[in-house]
Structures are given as structure tokens and as C-alpha cells.
């Protein structure tokens, strides 16, 4: 059940919802009763899939970006778009960064980034972040 909770937390935190999956991961790691590799896998897959939702929404939702309910502010969108236009798909390596990471994944969809490249770059960023959290928490990898 803990793995599923971590997966859901990581998935939702990678979408445009303001959640933090790292705290859930750290809490589970500190209990020392779960397999670190499965925790890492659950968090990574959930977070990567959540980013894929953002990419897909970016492709489909451009027509709604001026609506009040749209979950990303115009300022966040413009900042993410500037980063993405300046650095291209390399900016997806920042997809783990709070505040700008989720809009970058959305922008990549808006700008029609190829899904295979998107998936590769986001996977590197998300897995790297969770490896770092595990390393900091447990002092090992």
C-alpha cells in the first residue's frame, strides 16, 4: 500500500497540483521497512507519468490558457516558455525543479516537443532527483 501511496503522490505532484512527493519518499525511507529500489521505482514512474500528462495537456489545452481556472499563471507560463525557447529540450532537465518544472513540461507539449525526447529527458531529471533524495536520506545509492 505504501508503494501505491508514493506512486499517487509522485504522479499528482508532477501534474500542475502543488504537492511534494519527496516528503512522502523520505518518510517511507526513514521507516526502513520498504525496499529502497521499489520506492525509487514507484516515485520515478509516478512522477514521469504525471509529467506525461502535462505534456499531453500542453498539446490539447492551448485554447484554454486564458481561462481563470487554468492552473498555471501567465507569468509562470511566460517564464517557462522563455526557458524552453532559450534552451530547447535541454530545459526538460529542470522538470524536477519546484514552480517552474511543471510548466516547462506543459510548455514542451504546447511547443510540440517530440514525445520520445520528452520522455527521455524528463526520465533523467525525475530519476536523478529521487536518487539524490535517497542518497541524502540514507547516505547511499
Protein backbone atom coordinates (compact mmCIF):
# COMPACT_ATOMS: atom_id res chain seq x y z
CA UNK A 1 0.00 0.00 0.00
CA UNK A 2 2.87 2.38 0.80
CA UNK A 3 4.27 1.97 -2.71
CA UNK A 4 0.89 2.86 -4.20
CA UNK A 5 0.57 5.93 -1.98
CA UNK A 6 4.05 7.05 -3.04
CA UNK A 7 3.20 6.43 -6.71
CA UNK A 8 -0.01 8.50 -6.39
CA UNK A 9 1.80 11.27 -4.51
CA UNK A 10 4.55 11.40 -7.14
CA UNK A 11 2.06 11.31 -10.01
CA UNK A 12 -0.08 14.12 -8.61
CA UNK A 13 2.91 16.26 -7.64
CA UNK A 14 4.23 16.08 -11.21
CA UNK A 15 0.99 17.45 -12.59
CA UNK A 16 0.19 21.09 -12.03
CA UNK A 17 -1.07 20.43 -8.49
CA UNK A 18 1.10 21.96 -5.75
CA UNK A 19 2.17 18.76 -3.94
CA UNK A 20 5.52 17.41 -2.75
CA UNK A 21 6.28 13.71 -3.15
CA UNK A 22 9.77 13.99 -1.68
CA UNK A 23 8.37 14.22 1.86
CA UNK A 24 6.41 11.00 1.33
CA UNK A 25 9.51 9.27 -0.05
CA UNK A 26 11.69 10.46 2.84
CA UNK A 27 9.09 9.33 5.37
CA UNK A 28 8.94 5.87 3.85
CA UNK A 29 12.73 5.63 3.57
CA UNK A 30 13.18 6.54 7.22
CA UNK A 31 10.85 3.74 8.28
CA UNK A 32 13.43 1.28 6.90
CA UNK A 33 10.81 -1.38 6.21
CA UNK A 34 10.37 -0.88 2.46
CA UNK A 35 12.65 -1.80 -0.40
CA UNK A 36 14.51 1.30 -1.49
CA UNK A 37 14.58 0.15 -5.12
CA UNK A 38 10.78 -0.29 -5.21
CA UNK A 39 10.26 3.09 -3.53
CA UNK A 40 12.57 4.67 -6.10
CA UNK A 41 10.77 2.91 -8.93
CA UNK A 42 7.29 3.86 -7.63
CA UNK A 43 8.19 7.52 -7.18
CA UNK A 44 10.00 7.76 -10.51
CA UNK A 45 7.32 6.08 -12.61
CA UNK A 46 4.55 8.08 -10.95
CA UNK A 47 6.36 11.36 -11.41
CA UNK A 48 7.31 10.63 -15.03
CA UNK A 49 3.73 9.67 -15.89
CA UNK A 50 2.46 12.85 -14.23
CA UNK A 51 4.80 14.87 -16.43
CA UNK A 52 3.50 12.98 -19.46
CA UNK A 53 0.02 14.20 -18.52
CA UNK A 54 1.36 17.77 -18.55
CA UNK A 55 2.91 17.23 -21.99
CA UNK A 56 -0.38 15.86 -23.32
CA UNK A 57 -2.33 18.73 -21.76
CA UNK A 58 0.09 21.15 -23.38
CA UNK A 59 -0.76 19.70 -26.77
CA UNK A 60 -4.51 19.81 -26.16
CA UNK A 61 -5.15 22.72 -23.84
CA UNK A 62 -3.59 25.75 -25.50
CA UNK A 63 -7.03 27.08 -26.37
CA UNK A 64 -7.86 27.31 -22.63
CA UNK A 65 -4.79 29.12 -21.33
CA UNK A 66 -6.65 32.43 -20.92
CA UNK A 67 -9.37 30.95 -18.71
CA UNK A 68 -9.48 31.76 -14.99
CA UNK A 69 -9.41 28.09 -13.97
CA UNK A 70 -6.24 27.38 -15.93
CA UNK A 71 -3.79 26.02 -13.32
CA UNK A 72 -0.66 27.90 -14.45
CA UNK A 73 -0.40 31.67 -14.22
CA UNK A 74 0.51 33.68 -17.29
CA UNK A 75 3.74 34.73 -15.56
CA UNK A 76 4.73 31.09 -14.90
CA UNK A 77 3.87 30.18 -18.48
CA UNK A 78 5.94 33.03 -19.91
CA UNK A 79 8.92 32.19 -17.68
CA UNK A 80 8.77 28.51 -18.64
CA UNK A 81 8.33 29.38 -22.32
CA UNK A 82 11.37 31.70 -22.26
CA UNK A 83 13.47 28.97 -20.65
CA UNK A 84 12.21 26.40 -23.13
CA UNK A 85 12.80 28.63 -26.15
CA UNK A 86 16.27 29.56 -24.93
CA UNK A 87 17.48 26.05 -24.02
CA UNK A 88 15.13 23.84 -26.03
CA UNK A 89 14.56 20.29 -24.89
CA UNK A 90 17.54 20.55 -22.52
CA UNK A 91 15.32 22.65 -20.27
CA UNK A 92 13.38 19.46 -19.54
CA UNK A 93 16.26 18.56 -17.25
CA UNK A 94 14.75 21.24 -14.97
CA UNK A 95 11.41 19.42 -14.85
CA UNK A 96 12.12 18.37 -11.25
CA UNK A 97 12.50 21.98 -10.04
CA UNK A 98 9.59 23.30 -7.96
CA UNK A 99 7.41 26.04 -9.51
CA UNK A 100 9.00 26.04 -12.99
CA UNK A 101 9.32 22.30 -13.65
CA UNK A 102 5.66 21.51 -14.21
CA UNK A 103 5.04 24.48 -16.50
CA UNK A 104 8.13 23.51 -18.53
CA UNK A 105 6.63 20.08 -19.19
CA UNK A 106 3.35 21.73 -20.19
CA UNK A 107 5.17 24.19 -22.45
CA UNK A 108 7.02 21.34 -24.14
CA UNK A 109 3.65 19.97 -25.19
CA UNK A 110 2.47 23.40 -26.32
CA UNK A 111 5.61 23.70 -28.45
CA UNK A 112 5.08 20.15 -29.82
CA UNK A 113 8.25 18.56 -28.45
CA UNK A 114 8.70 15.01 -29.70
CA UNK A 115 7.36 12.62 -27.07
CA UNK A 116 10.32 10.23 -27.17
CA UNK A 117 12.80 13.04 -26.49
CA UNK A 118 10.47 14.49 -23.85
CA UNK A 119 10.20 11.12 -22.10
CA UNK A 120 13.95 10.54 -22.13
CA UNK A 121 14.89 13.97 -20.76
CA UNK A 122 12.14 14.01 -18.11
CA UNK A 123 13.06 10.49 -17.01
CA UNK A 124 16.68 11.54 -16.50
CA UNK A 125 15.60 14.52 -14.41
CA UNK A 126 12.99 12.75 -12.30
CA UNK A 127 15.01 9.60 -11.59
CA UNK A 128 18.06 11.73 -10.81
CA UNK A 129 16.11 13.79 -8.31
CA UNK A 130 14.75 10.74 -6.49
CA UNK A 131 18.19 9.09 -6.46
CA UNK A 132 19.51 12.26 -4.84
CA UNK A 133 16.71 12.24 -2.24
CA UNK A 134 17.51 8.60 -1.42
CA UNK A 135 21.23 9.36 -1.20
CA UNK A 136 20.69 12.37 1.09
CA UNK A 137 18.22 10.48 3.26
CA UNK A 138 20.09 7.22 3.57
CA UNK A 139 23.61 8.23 2.63
CA UNK A 140 23.75 5.54 -0.04
CA UNK A 141 22.73 4.55 -3.51
